[in-house]
Amino acid sequence: MFGYFARWAKAGALKRILDQLRRRLRLRRRRCPWPVRVIVDSQSVKGAETVSNATRGYDANKHINGRKRHLLVDQDGLLVDLLVTPADVQDRDAARILLTRLHTEHPEIVLVWADNGYGGEEFSTWAQDTLGITIKVVPRPKDTKGFVLLPKRWVVERSNSWTMRARRNARDYERLTAHAEAHIQWAFITLMSRRLARPRRQTKALPATLAAA
């Protein structure tokens, strides 16, 4: 089984499956087949002893030794692209790689919502001038503590929680970052396949007495 897993990941088959599943779900919701606005965020997870020293790092903000998952999702929280890096990689540095790849594959995307980790005039100017992508930071309100529901950003936070439903993703066990990315892709393939398998909700007709009212 692992042989199939590795070959599919290397061949890019999972990315193509994700694109088609997301397209079908967006069409079901009467959206444009391909998103033009996405949300980006990162999540640091602990790395098991099987994670090599070369592909792991220490996130000083979260106090986590392991890897960092950088997710790009559409407005429904469905995965568009991702990148797994050592946990000490800065969000803006990873975003340069991720957004460059995103622009090549989906040039129609013109707006990215993000948190303060992706702020900064230099990064925003680079994204606008080089890729034609606007970075819009959704800041956290001042003097707030604990969990706060932030516009747009809550969507990708929910997507991060979806990846954790697959127990294998609660911690990073993979020696290769490509395999770590593949496990997240499989989690979203499972989620989207289940959604497509559900029967569509039928709107029930109103009783004659109510319809005449």
N, C-alpha and C. Protein backbone atom coordinates (compact mmCIF):
# COMPACT_ATOMS: atom_id res chain seq x y z
N MET A 1 0.82 -1.20 0.00
CA MET A 1 0.00 0.00 0.00
C MET A 1 0.86 1.26 0.00
N PHE A 2 1.96 1.23 0.76
CA PHE A 2 2.80 2.42 0.82
C PHE A 2 3.39 2.72 -0.56
N GLY A 3 3.67 1.68 -1.33
CA GLY A 3 4.21 1.90 -2.68
C GLY A 3 3.25 2.71 -3.54
N TYR A 4 1.96 2.36 -3.50
CA TYR A 4 0.96 3.13 -4.24
C TYR A 4 0.88 4.56 -3.72
N PHE A 5 0.90 4.69 -2.40
CA PHE A 5 0.84 6.01 -1.77
C PHE A 5 1.98 6.89 -2.27
N ALA A 6 3.19 6.37 -2.26
CA ALA A 6 4.36 7.14 -2.67
C ALA A 6 4.34 7.46 -4.16
N ARG A 7 3.94 6.49 -4.99
CA ARG A 7 3.93 6.73 -6.44
C ARG A 7 2.87 7.75 -6.82
N TRP A 8 1.69 7.68 -6.22
CA TRP A 8 0.63 8.64 -6.52
C TRP A 8 1.04 10.04 -6.12
N ALA A 9 1.68 10.15 -4.95
CA ALA A 9 2.12 11.46 -4.49
C ALA A 9 3.18 12.04 -5.42
N LYS A 10 4.15 11.22 -5.83
CA LYS A 10 5.23 11.68 -6.69
C LYS A 10 4.73 12.08 -8.07
N ALA A 11 3.71 11.37 -8.56
CA ALA A 11 3.19 11.64 -9.90
C ALA A 11 2.25 12.83 -9.94
N GLY A 12 1.89 13.38 -8.78
CA GLY A 12 0.97 14.52 -8.75
C GLY A 12 -0.49 14.13 -8.91
N ALA A 13 -0.79 12.83 -8.76
CA ALA A 13 -2.17 12.37 -8.94
C ALA A 13 -3.11 12.96 -7.88
N LEU A 14 -2.60 13.11 -6.65
CA LEU A 14 -3.46 13.62 -5.58
C LEU A 14 -3.88 15.05 -5.85
N LYS A 15 -2.98 15.85 -6.41
CA LYS A 15 -3.30 17.25 -6.73
C LYS A 15 -4.40 17.31 -7.78
N ARG A 16 -4.32 16.44 -8.78
CA ARG A 16 -5.34 16.45 -9.83
C ARG A 16 -6.69 15.99 -9.29
N ILE A 17 -6.67 15.00 -8.41
CA ILE A 17 -7.93 14.54 -7.80
C ILE A 17 -8.55 15.66 -6.96
N LEU A 18 -7.72 16.34 -6.16
CA LEU A 18 -8.22 17.44 -5.34
C LEU A 18 -8.85 18.54 -6.18
N ASP A 19 -8.19 18.90 -7.28
CA ASP A 19 -8.71 19.97 -8.13
C ASP A 19 -10.09 19.61 -8.69
N GLN A 20 -10.25 18.38 -9.11
CA GLN A 20 -11.53 17.98 -9.69
C GLN A 20 -12.63 17.86 -8.63
N LEU A 21 -12.29 17.34 -7.47
CA LEU A 21 -13.29 17.25 -6.39
C LEU A 21 -13.72 18.65 -5.94
N ARG A 22 -12.76 19.54 -5.80
CA ARG A 22 -13.09 20.91 -5.39
C ARG A 22 -13.95 21.60 -6.45
N ARG A 23 -13.62 21.38 -7.71
CA ARG A 23 -14.40 21.98 -8.80
C ARG A 23 -15.85 21.51 -8.75
N ARG A 24 -16.06 20.23 -8.53
CA ARG A 24 -17.42 19.70 -8.49
C ARG A 24 -18.20 20.23 -7.29
N LEU A 25 -17.53 20.35 -6.16
CA LEU A 25 -18.21 20.89 -4.98
C LEU A 25 -18.55 22.36 -5.16
N ARG A 26 -17.67 23.12 -5.78
CA ARG A 26 -17.95 24.53 -6.01
C ARG A 26 -19.11 24.70 -6.99
N LEU A 27 -19.16 23.88 -8.02
CA LEU A 27 -20.27 23.94 -8.97
C LEU A 27 -21.58 23.56 -8.29
N ARG A 28 -21.52 22.60 -7.38
CA ARG A 28 -22.73 22.22 -6.65
C ARG A 28 -23.27 23.39 -5.85
N ARG A 29 -22.38 24.22 -5.33
CA ARG A 29 -22.79 25.38 -4.55
C ARG A 29 -22.98 26.61 -5.42
N ARG A 30 -22.97 26.40 -6.75
CA ARG A 30 -23.20 27.47 -7.72
C ARG A 30 -22.14 28.56 -7.63
N ARG A 31 -20.92 28.13 -7.43
CA ARG A 31 -19.78 29.03 -7.45
C ARG A 31 -19.00 28.85 -8.75
N CYS A 32 -18.09 29.79 -9.00
CA CYS A 32 -17.17 29.65 -10.12
C CYS A 32 -16.34 28.39 -9.92
N PRO A 33 -16.07 27.60 -10.98
CA PRO A 33 -15.32 26.35 -10.80
C PRO A 33 -13.97 26.52 -10.13
N TRP A 34 -13.30 27.64 -10.39
CA TRP A 34 -11.97 27.88 -9.82
C TRP A 34 -12.00 29.14 -8.99
N PRO A 35 -11.46 29.12 -7.79
CA PRO A 35 -11.52 30.30 -6.92
C PRO A 35 -10.63 31.43 -7.42
N VAL A 36 -11.04 32.66 -7.14
CA VAL A 36 -10.20 33.82 -7.45
C VAL A 36 -9.69 34.48 -6.17
N ARG A 37 -10.24 34.06 -5.03
CA ARG A 37 -9.79 34.56 -3.72
C ARG A 37 -9.54 33.37 -2.81
N VAL A 38 -8.43 33.40 -2.09
CA VAL A 38 -8.06 32.29 -1.20
C VAL A 38 -7.61 32.86 0.15
N ILE A 39 -7.49 31.96 1.13
CA ILE A 39 -7.02 32.32 2.47
C ILE A 39 -5.80 31.47 2.78
N VAL A 40 -4.79 32.07 3.39
CA VAL A 40 -3.56 31.36 3.72
C VAL A 40 -3.33 31.38 5.22
N ASP A 41 -2.77 30.32 5.74
CA ASP A 41 -2.41 30.25 7.15
C ASP A 41 -1.42 29.12 7.33
N SER A 42 -0.74 29.13 8.47
CA SER A 42 0.22 28.07 8.79
C SER A 42 -0.14 27.43 10.11
N GLN A 43 0.29 26.20 10.28
CA GLN A 43 0.04 25.43 11.51
C GLN A 43 1.28 24.61 11.82
N SER A 44 1.82 24.81 13.01
CA SER A 44 3.00 24.05 13.44
C SER A 44 2.55 22.80 14.19
N VAL A 45 3.18 21.67 13.87
CA VAL A 45 2.85 20.40 14.52
C VAL A 45 4.14 19.73 14.98
N LYS A 46 4.05 18.98 16.05
CA LYS A 46 5.22 18.28 16.57
C LYS A 46 5.67 17.20 15.60
N GLY A 47 6.97 17.04 15.52
CA GLY A 47 7.53 16.00 14.67
C GLY A 47 7.98 14.81 15.48
N ALA A 48 7.63 13.62 15.03
CA ALA A 48 8.07 12.40 15.70
C ALA A 48 9.56 12.18 15.45
N GLU A 49 10.12 11.17 16.09
CA GLU A 49 11.56 10.91 15.94
C GLU A 49 11.91 10.45 14.53
N THR A 50 10.91 10.06 13.75
CA THR A 50 11.15 9.63 12.38
C THR A 50 11.37 10.81 11.43
N VAL A 51 11.06 12.02 11.89
CA VAL A 51 11.27 13.21 11.06
C VAL A 51 12.75 13.59 11.11
N SER A 52 13.37 13.72 9.96
CA SER A 52 14.81 13.98 9.91
C SER A 52 15.14 15.38 10.41
N ASN A 53 16.34 15.55 10.92
CA ASN A 53 16.80 16.86 11.42
C ASN A 53 16.83 17.90 10.32
N ALA A 54 17.08 17.47 9.10
CA ALA A 54 17.17 18.41 7.98
C ALA A 54 15.83 19.02 7.61
N THR A 55 14.73 18.36 7.98
CA THR A 55 13.40 18.83 7.58
C THR A 55 12.54 19.23 8.78
N ARG A 56 13.16 19.47 9.90
CA ARG A 56 12.41 19.90 11.08
C ARG A 56 13.06 21.15 11.66
N GLY A 57 12.33 21.86 12.50
CA GLY A 57 12.86 23.06 13.12
C GLY A 57 12.05 23.40 14.35
N TYR A 58 12.42 24.50 15.00
CA TYR A 58 11.75 24.90 16.24
C TYR A 58 11.00 26.21 16.04
N ASP A 59 9.69 26.16 16.24
CA ASP A 59 8.85 27.35 16.17
C ASP A 59 8.86 28.02 17.54
N ALA A 60 9.58 29.14 17.64
CA ALA A 60 9.73 29.80 18.94
C ALA A 60 8.42 30.39 19.44
N ASN A 61 7.54 30.79 18.54
CA ASN A 61 6.26 31.38 18.96
C ASN A 61 5.33 30.33 19.56
N LYS A 62 5.29 29.15 18.95
CA LYS A 62 4.40 28.09 19.42
C LYS A 62 5.10 27.09 20.33
N HIS A 63 6.42 27.22 20.45
CA HIS A 63 7.22 26.29 21.27
C HIS A 63 7.03 24.85 20.79
N ILE A 64 7.15 24.67 19.48
CA ILE A 64 6.95 23.36 18.87
C ILE A 64 8.18 22.99 18.05
N ASN A 65 8.68 21.79 18.26
CA ASN A 65 9.78 21.25 17.48
C ASN A 65 9.19 20.27 16.46
N GLY A 66 9.25 20.65 15.21
CA GLY A 66 8.68 19.77 14.19
C GLY A 66 8.59 20.47 12.85
N ARG A 67 7.40 20.45 12.28
CA ARG A 67 7.20 21.01 10.95
C ARG A 67 6.04 22.00 10.95
N LYS A 68 5.98 22.77 9.87
CA LYS A 68 4.92 23.75 9.72
C LYS A 68 4.17 23.48 8.42
N ARG A 69 2.84 23.49 8.52
CA ARG A 69 1.98 23.27 7.35
C ARG A 69 1.41 24.60 6.89
N HIS A 70 1.66 24.95 5.66
CA HIS A 70 1.15 26.19 5.07
C HIS A 70 0.03 25.82 4.12
N LEU A 71 -1.19 26.23 4.45
CA LEU A 71 -2.36 25.86 3.66
C LEU A 71 -2.94 27.06 2.93
N LEU A 72 -3.35 26.83 1.69
CA LEU A 72 -4.14 27.78 0.92
C LEU A 72 -5.49 27.13 0.66
N VAL A 73 -6.56 27.79 1.08
CA VAL A 73 -7.90 27.22 0.90
C VAL A 73 -8.81 28.24 0.24
N ASP A 74 -9.90 27.77 -0.36
CA ASP A 74 -10.87 28.68 -0.95
C ASP A 74 -11.84 29.16 0.11
N GLN A 75 -12.89 29.88 -0.28
CA GLN A 75 -13.80 30.48 0.68
C GLN A 75 -14.65 29.45 1.42
N ASP A 76 -14.68 28.22 0.91
CA ASP A 76 -15.39 27.15 1.60
C ASP A 76 -14.46 26.32 2.47
N GLY A 77 -13.18 26.69 2.52
CA GLY A 77 -12.22 25.95 3.32
C GLY A 77 -11.64 24.74 2.62
N LEU A 78 -11.88 24.59 1.32
CA LEU A 78 -11.37 23.44 0.57
C LEU A 78 -9.94 23.71 0.11
N LEU A 79 -9.11 22.71 0.21
CA LEU A 79 -7.68 22.86 -0.07
C LEU A 79 -7.42 23.21 -1.54
N VAL A 80 -6.62 24.26 -1.74
CA VAL A 80 -6.17 24.66 -3.07
C VAL A 80 -4.72 24.25 -3.28
N ASP A 81 -3.88 24.50 -2.30
CA ASP A 81 -2.47 24.10 -2.37
C ASP A 81 -1.89 24.11 -0.96
N LEU A 82 -0.75 23.47 -0.78
CA LEU A 82 -0.10 23.44 0.52
C LEU A 82 1.39 23.25 0.37
N LEU A 83 2.10 23.56 1.45
CA LEU A 83 3.54 23.38 1.51
C LEU A 83 3.92 23.03 2.93
N VAL A 84 4.72 21.99 3.11
CA VAL A 84 5.21 21.59 4.42
C VAL A 84 6.69 21.94 4.52
N THR A 85 7.05 22.65 5.58
CA THR A 85 8.42 23.11 5.79
C THR A 85 8.85 22.82 7.22
N PRO A 86 10.14 22.98 7.53
CA PRO A 86 10.54 22.96 8.95
C PRO A 86 9.80 24.06 9.71
N ALA A 87 9.56 23.85 11.00
CA ALA A 87 8.74 24.76 11.78
C ALA A 87 9.37 26.13 11.97
N ASP A 88 10.69 26.25 11.75
CA ASP A 88 11.33 27.55 11.95
C ASP A 88 11.31 28.43 10.71
N VAL A 89 10.70 27.97 9.63
CA VAL A 89 10.58 28.78 8.41
C VAL A 89 9.51 29.85 8.61
N GLN A 90 9.84 31.09 8.28
CA GLN A 90 8.91 32.20 8.43
C GLN A 90 7.76 32.08 7.43
N ASP A 91 6.58 32.54 7.86
CA ASP A 91 5.39 32.42 7.01
C ASP A 91 5.58 33.12 5.67
N ARG A 92 6.17 34.31 5.67
CA ARG A 92 6.35 35.05 4.42
C ARG A 92 7.30 34.34 3.47
N ASP A 93 8.34 33.69 4.01
CA ASP A 93 9.29 32.98 3.15
C ASP A 93 8.61 31.79 2.47
N ALA A 94 7.81 31.05 3.22
CA ALA A 94 7.09 29.92 2.64
C ALA A 94 6.04 30.40 1.66
N ALA A 95 5.41 31.55 1.97
CA ALA A 95 4.36 32.07 1.10
C ALA A 95 4.91 32.48 -0.26
N ARG A 96 6.15 32.95 -0.31
CA ARG A 96 6.74 33.29 -1.60
C ARG A 96 6.79 32.08 -2.53
N ILE A 97 7.17 30.94 -1.96
CA ILE A 97 7.22 29.70 -2.75
C ILE A 97 5.82 29.27 -3.14
N LEU A 98 4.93 29.29 -2.16
CA LEU A 98 3.56 28.80 -2.37
C LEU A 98 2.80 29.67 -3.36
N LEU A 99 2.90 30.99 -3.22
CA LEU A 99 2.15 31.89 -4.10
C LEU A 99 2.72 31.89 -5.52
N THR A 100 4.03 31.73 -5.64
CA THR A 100 4.62 31.64 -6.99
C THR A 100 4.09 30.41 -7.72
N ARG A 101 4.05 29.29 -7.03
CA ARG A 101 3.51 28.07 -7.62
C ARG A 101 2.02 28.21 -7.91
N LEU A 102 1.31 28.85 -6.98
CA LEU A 102 -0.12 29.06 -7.16
C LEU A 102 -0.41 29.91 -8.39
N HIS A 103 0.37 30.98 -8.57
CA HIS A 103 0.16 31.86 -9.72
C HIS A 103 0.39 31.13 -11.04
N THR A 104 1.36 30.23 -11.05
CA THR A 104 1.65 29.46 -12.27
C THR A 104 0.49 28.54 -12.61
N GLU A 105 -0.08 27.88 -11.61
CA GLU A 105 -1.15 26.92 -11.84
C GLU A 105 -2.53 27.57 -11.93
N HIS A 106 -2.73 28.66 -11.17
CA HIS A 106 -4.04 29.32 -11.14
C HIS A 106 -3.85 30.84 -11.25
N PRO A 107 -3.54 31.34 -12.43
CA PRO A 107 -3.31 32.79 -12.59
C PRO A 107 -4.56 33.62 -12.35
N GLU A 108 -5.72 32.98 -12.26
CA GLU A 108 -6.96 33.72 -12.02
C GLU A 108 -7.09 34.21 -10.58
N ILE A 109 -6.28 33.67 -9.67
CA ILE A 109 -6.36 34.08 -8.26
C ILE A 109 -5.68 35.43 -8.08
N VAL A 110 -6.43 36.39 -7.54
CA VAL A 110 -5.94 37.77 -7.45
C VAL A 110 -5.91 38.32 -6.02
N LEU A 111 -6.50 37.60 -5.05
CA LEU A 111 -6.58 38.13 -3.69
C LEU A 111 -6.32 37.01 -2.69
N VAL A 112 -5.49 37.31 -1.68
CA VAL A 112 -5.19 36.36 -0.61
C VAL A 112 -5.43 37.05 0.72
N TRP A 113 -6.29 36.46 1.55
CA TRP A 113 -6.48 36.94 2.91
C TRP A 113 -5.47 36.23 3.82
N ALA A 114 -4.92 36.96 4.79
CA ALA A 114 -3.88 36.39 5.64
C ALA A 114 -3.88 37.08 6.99
N ASP A 115 -3.05 36.54 7.91
CA ASP A 115 -2.91 37.16 9.22
C ASP A 115 -1.66 38.04 9.24
N ASN A 116 -1.33 38.56 10.41
CA ASN A 116 -0.21 39.49 10.52
C ASN A 116 1.14 38.88 10.15
N GLY A 117 1.24 37.56 10.22
CA GLY A 117 2.48 36.90 9.86
C GLY A 117 2.86 37.09 8.40
N TYR A 118 1.89 37.47 7.57
CA TYR A 118 2.14 37.69 6.15
C TYR A 118 2.12 39.18 5.81
N GLY A 119 2.10 40.03 6.84
CA GLY A 119 2.08 41.46 6.61
C GLY A 119 3.46 41.98 6.23
N GLY A 120 3.53 43.27 6.07
CA GLY A 120 4.80 43.89 5.68
C GLY A 120 4.71 44.44 4.27
N GLU A 121 5.17 45.66 4.11
CA GLU A 121 5.05 46.34 2.81
C GLU A 121 5.89 45.65 1.74
N GLU A 122 7.06 45.17 2.11
CA GLU A 122 7.93 44.53 1.12
C GLU A 122 7.28 43.29 0.52
N PHE A 123 6.72 42.45 1.38
CA PHE A 123 6.08 41.22 0.89
C PHE A 123 4.84 41.55 0.06
N SER A 124 4.02 42.48 0.51
CA SER A 124 2.81 42.85 -0.22
C SER A 124 3.15 43.44 -1.58
N THR A 125 4.18 44.27 -1.61
CA THR A 125 4.59 44.88 -2.89
C THR A 125 5.12 43.81 -3.84
N TRP A 126 5.90 42.88 -3.31
CA TRP A 126 6.42 41.79 -4.16
C TRP A 126 5.27 40.99 -4.77
N ALA A 127 4.28 40.63 -3.96
CA ALA A 127 3.16 39.82 -4.44
C ALA A 127 2.36 40.58 -5.51
N GLN A 128 2.16 41.88 -5.29
CA GLN A 128 1.38 42.67 -6.24
C GLN A 128 2.13 42.89 -7.55
N ASP A 129 3.40 43.28 -7.45
CA ASP A 129 4.16 43.61 -8.66
C ASP A 129 4.59 42.38 -9.44
N THR A 130 4.93 41.30 -8.74
CA THR A 130 5.45 40.11 -9.42
C THR A 130 4.34 39.17 -9.87
N LEU A 131 3.31 38.98 -9.01
CA LEU A 131 2.29 37.97 -9.30
C LEU A 131 0.91 38.57 -9.58
N GLY A 132 0.75 39.85 -9.32
CA GLY A 132 -0.56 40.45 -9.50
C GLY A 132 -1.55 40.01 -8.44
N ILE A 133 -1.05 39.63 -7.28
CA ILE A 133 -1.88 39.14 -6.18
C ILE A 133 -1.87 40.17 -5.05
N THR A 134 -3.06 40.52 -4.57
CA THR A 134 -3.18 41.45 -3.46
C THR A 134 -3.22 40.68 -2.14
N ILE A 135 -2.36 41.04 -1.21
CA ILE A 135 -2.36 40.44 0.13
C ILE A 135 -3.17 41.34 1.05
N LYS A 136 -4.25 40.81 1.58
CA LYS A 136 -5.10 41.59 2.49
C LYS A 136 -5.01 40.97 3.88
N VAL A 137 -4.39 41.70 4.81
CA VAL A 137 -4.21 41.22 6.17
C VAL A 137 -5.47 41.50 6.99
N VAL A 138 -5.96 40.45 7.65
CA VAL A 138 -7.11 40.59 8.56
C VAL A 138 -6.54 40.62 9.97
N PRO A 139 -6.40 41.80 10.57
CA PRO A 139 -5.73 41.90 11.87
C PRO A 139 -6.61 41.44 13.01
N ARG A 140 -5.96 41.01 14.06
CA ARG A 140 -6.68 40.68 15.29
C ARG A 140 -6.99 41.97 16.04
N PRO A 141 -8.21 42.13 16.56
CA PRO A 141 -8.55 43.36 17.29
C PRO A 141 -7.63 43.56 18.48
N LYS A 142 -7.32 44.82 18.77
CA LYS A 142 -6.43 45.13 19.89
C LYS A 142 -7.11 44.83 21.22
N ASP A 143 -6.27 44.52 22.19
CA ASP A 143 -6.73 44.28 23.57
C ASP A 143 -7.73 43.12 23.66
N THR A 144 -7.55 42.09 22.83
CA THR A 144 -8.41 40.90 22.90
C THR A 144 -7.58 39.73 23.38
N LYS A 145 -8.20 38.86 24.13
CA LYS A 145 -7.55 37.67 24.65
C LYS A 145 -8.35 36.43 24.28
N GLY A 146 -7.65 35.31 24.16
CA GLY A 146 -8.33 34.07 23.85
C GLY A 146 -8.80 34.02 22.40
N PHE A 147 -9.74 33.11 22.14
CA PHE A 147 -10.22 32.88 20.77
C PHE A 147 -11.12 34.02 20.32
N VAL A 148 -10.85 34.51 19.11
CA VAL A 148 -11.68 35.55 18.49
C VAL A 148 -11.99 35.11 17.07
N LEU A 149 -13.27 35.15 16.70
CA LEU A 149 -13.69 34.77 15.35
C LEU A 149 -13.40 35.92 14.40
N LEU A 150 -12.40 35.73 13.53
CA LEU A 150 -11.98 36.80 12.62
C LEU A 150 -12.52 36.56 11.22
N PRO A 151 -12.98 37.62 10.56
CA PRO A 151 -13.51 37.48 9.19
C PRO A 151 -12.49 36.82 8.27
N LYS A 152 -12.98 35.90 7.45
CA LYS A 152 -12.17 35.18 6.46
C LYS A 152 -11.16 34.23 7.09
N ARG A 153 -10.41 34.69 8.10
CA ARG A 153 -9.37 33.84 8.68
C ARG A 153 -9.93 32.60 9.36
N TRP A 154 -11.18 32.69 9.86
CA TRP A 154 -11.74 31.54 10.55
C TRP A 154 -11.90 30.36 9.60
N VAL A 155 -12.02 30.64 8.30
CA VAL A 155 -12.23 29.57 7.32
C VAL A 155 -11.03 28.64 7.28
N VAL A 156 -9.83 29.21 7.19
CA VAL A 156 -8.63 28.37 7.12
C VAL A 156 -8.32 27.73 8.47
N GLU A 157 -8.70 28.41 9.57
CA GLU A 157 -8.54 27.78 10.89
C GLU A 157 -9.38 26.51 10.98
N ARG A 158 -10.57 26.58 10.42
CA ARG A 158 -11.42 25.39 10.40
C ARG A 158 -10.81 24.30 9.52
N SER A 159 -10.20 24.69 8.42
CA SER A 159 -9.54 23.71 7.54
C SER A 159 -8.40 23.01 8.27
N ASN A 160 -7.65 23.77 9.07
CA ASN A 160 -6.58 23.15 9.86
C ASN A 160 -7.14 22.10 10.81
N SER A 161 -8.31 22.38 11.39
CA SER A 161 -8.92 21.40 12.30
C SER A 161 -9.40 20.18 11.53
N TRP A 162 -9.84 20.38 10.28
CA TRP A 162 -10.26 19.23 9.47
C TRP A 162 -9.10 18.27 9.23
N THR A 163 -7.90 18.81 9.01
CA THR A 163 -6.76 17.92 8.78
C THR A 163 -6.48 17.05 10.00
N MET A 164 -6.78 17.57 11.19
CA MET A 164 -6.51 16.83 12.42
C MET A 164 -7.51 15.70 12.65
N ARG A 165 -8.61 15.69 11.91
CA ARG A 165 -9.56 14.58 12.06
C ARG A 165 -8.94 13.26 11.64
N ALA A 166 -8.00 13.33 10.72
CA ALA A 166 -7.22 12.14 10.36
C ALA A 166 -6.13 11.99 11.40
N ARG A 167 -6.18 10.95 12.21
CA ARG A 167 -5.27 10.82 13.34
C ARG A 167 -3.81 10.85 12.94
N ARG A 168 -3.51 10.42 11.73
CA ARG A 168 -2.12 10.42 11.27
C ARG A 168 -1.56 11.84 11.20
N ASN A 169 -2.46 12.84 11.06
CA ASN A 169 -2.02 14.22 10.93
C ASN A 169 -1.90 14.95 12.27
N ALA A 170 -2.24 14.28 13.37
CA ALA A 170 -2.11 14.93 14.67
C ALA A 170 -0.66 15.22 15.01
N ARG A 171 0.23 14.47 14.39
CA ARG A 171 1.68 14.68 14.53
C ARG A 171 2.32 14.29 13.21
N ASP A 172 3.47 14.86 12.91
CA ASP A 172 4.15 14.54 11.66
C ASP A 172 5.12 13.38 11.89
N TYR A 173 4.89 12.29 11.16
CA TYR A 173 5.73 11.10 11.30
C TYR A 173 6.60 10.85 10.07
N GLU A 174 6.40 11.63 9.00
CA GLU A 174 7.00 11.30 7.72
C GLU A 174 8.44 11.80 7.59
N ARG A 175 9.28 10.96 7.01
CA ARG A 175 10.67 11.36 6.80
C ARG A 175 10.77 12.40 5.68
N LEU A 176 9.90 12.30 4.67
CA LEU A 176 9.90 13.23 3.55
C LEU A 176 8.75 14.21 3.69
N THR A 177 9.01 15.49 3.40
CA THR A 177 7.94 16.49 3.47
C THR A 177 6.88 16.22 2.39
N ALA A 178 7.28 15.63 1.28
CA ALA A 178 6.31 15.31 0.23
C ALA A 178 5.27 14.32 0.72
N HIS A 179 5.68 13.38 1.55
CA HIS A 179 4.74 12.41 2.10
C HIS A 179 3.86 13.05 3.17
N ALA A 180 4.42 14.01 3.92
CA ALA A 180 3.60 14.75 4.89
C ALA A 180 2.51 15.53 4.17
N GLU A 181 2.85 16.14 3.03
CA GLU A 181 1.86 16.86 2.24
C GLU A 181 0.80 15.90 1.69
N ALA A 182 1.23 14.71 1.29
CA ALA A 182 0.30 13.74 0.72
C ALA A 182 -0.75 13.30 1.74
N HIS A 183 -0.35 13.16 3.00
CA HIS A 183 -1.32 12.77 4.02
C HIS A 183 -2.39 13.84 4.21
N ILE A 184 -2.01 15.09 4.12
CA ILE A 184 -2.99 16.17 4.22
C ILE A 184 -3.90 16.17 3.00
N GLN A 185 -3.33 15.94 1.83
CA GLN A 185 -4.14 15.87 0.62
C GLN A 185 -5.16 14.74 0.70
N TRP A 186 -4.74 13.59 1.23
CA TRP A 186 -5.68 12.48 1.38
C TRP A 186 -6.80 12.82 2.35
N ALA A 187 -6.48 13.57 3.39
CA ALA A 187 -7.51 13.98 4.35
C ALA A 187 -8.58 14.81 3.66
N PHE A 188 -8.17 15.72 2.78
CA PHE A 188 -9.14 16.55 2.07
C PHE A 188 -9.85 15.77 0.97
N ILE A 189 -9.17 14.83 0.35
CA ILE A 189 -9.84 13.98 -0.64
C ILE A 189 -10.97 13.19 0.03
N THR A 190 -10.70 12.66 1.21
CA THR A 190 -11.73 11.92 1.95
C THR A 190 -12.90 12.84 2.30
N LEU A 191 -12.58 14.03 2.79
CA LEU A 191 -13.64 14.98 3.19
C LEU A 191 -14.51 15.37 2.00
N MET A 192 -13.89 15.71 0.89
CA MET A 192 -14.65 16.16 -0.27
C MET A 192 -15.43 15.02 -0.92
N SER A 193 -14.85 13.82 -0.93
CA SER A 193 -15.56 12.67 -1.51
C SER A 193 -16.82 12.37 -0.72
N ARG A 194 -16.73 12.46 0.60
CA ARG A 194 -17.91 12.22 1.43
C ARG A 194 -18.99 13.26 1.19
N ARG A 195 -18.57 14.49 0.99
CA ARG A 195 -19.56 15.54 0.73
C ARG A 195 -20.27 15.31 -0.61
N LEU A 196 -19.49 14.90 -1.60
CA LEU A 196 -20.10 14.65 -2.91
C LEU A 196 -21.03 13.43 -2.88
N ALA A 197 -20.72 12.48 -1.99
CA ALA A 197 -21.53 11.26 -1.91
C ALA A 197 -22.88 11.50 -1.22
N ARG A 198 -22.96 12.60 -0.47
CA ARG A 198 -24.22 12.86 0.22
C ARG A 198 -25.29 13.26 -0.79
N PRO A 199 -26.51 12.77 -0.60
CA PRO A 199 -27.59 13.20 -1.50
C PRO A 199 -27.88 14.68 -1.30
N ARG A 200 -28.22 15.33 -2.39
CA ARG A 200 -28.54 16.74 -2.29
C ARG A 200 -29.85 16.93 -1.53
N ARG A 201 -29.88 17.99 -0.76
CA ARG A 201 -31.09 18.29 -0.02
C ARG A 201 -32.18 18.79 -0.96
N GLN A 202 -33.33 18.18 -0.86
CA GLN A 202 -34.46 18.57 -1.68
C GLN A 202 -35.35 19.54 -0.91
N THR A 203 -35.71 20.64 -1.55
CA THR A 203 -36.59 21.60 -0.93
C THR A 203 -38.02 21.08 -0.96
N LYS A 204 -38.63 20.91 0.19
CA LYS A 204 -39.97 20.36 0.26
C LYS A 204 -40.99 21.44 -0.13
N ALA A 205 -42.02 21.01 -0.84
CA ALA A 205 -43.08 21.93 -1.23
C ALA A 205 -43.91 22.30 -0.01
N LEU A 206 -44.36 23.55 0.02
CA LEU A 206 -45.18 24.01 1.13
C LEU A 206 -46.57 23.37 1.07
N PRO A 207 -47.17 23.11 2.20
CA PRO A 207 -48.57 22.64 2.20
C PRO A 207 -49.47 23.63 1.47
N ALA A 208 -50.54 23.13 0.90
CA ALA A 208 -51.43 23.98 0.10
C ALA A 208 -51.98 25.16 0.91
N THR A 209 -52.25 24.93 2.20
CA THR A 209 -52.81 25.98 3.03
C THR A 209 -51.82 27.12 3.24
N LEU A 210 -50.53 26.76 3.37
CA LEU A 210 -49.50 27.79 3.55
C LEU A 210 -49.18 28.47 2.23
N ALA A 211 -49.20 27.69 1.17
CA ALA A 211 -48.88 28.27 -0.14
C ALA A 211 -49.91 29.30 -0.57
N ALA A 212 -51.14 29.09 -0.13
CA ALA A 212 -52.21 30.02 -0.50
C ALA A 212 -52.25 31.24 0.39
N ALA A 213 -51.56 31.20 1.52
CA ALA A 213 -51.60 32.32 2.46
C ALA A 213 -50.89 33.55 1.92
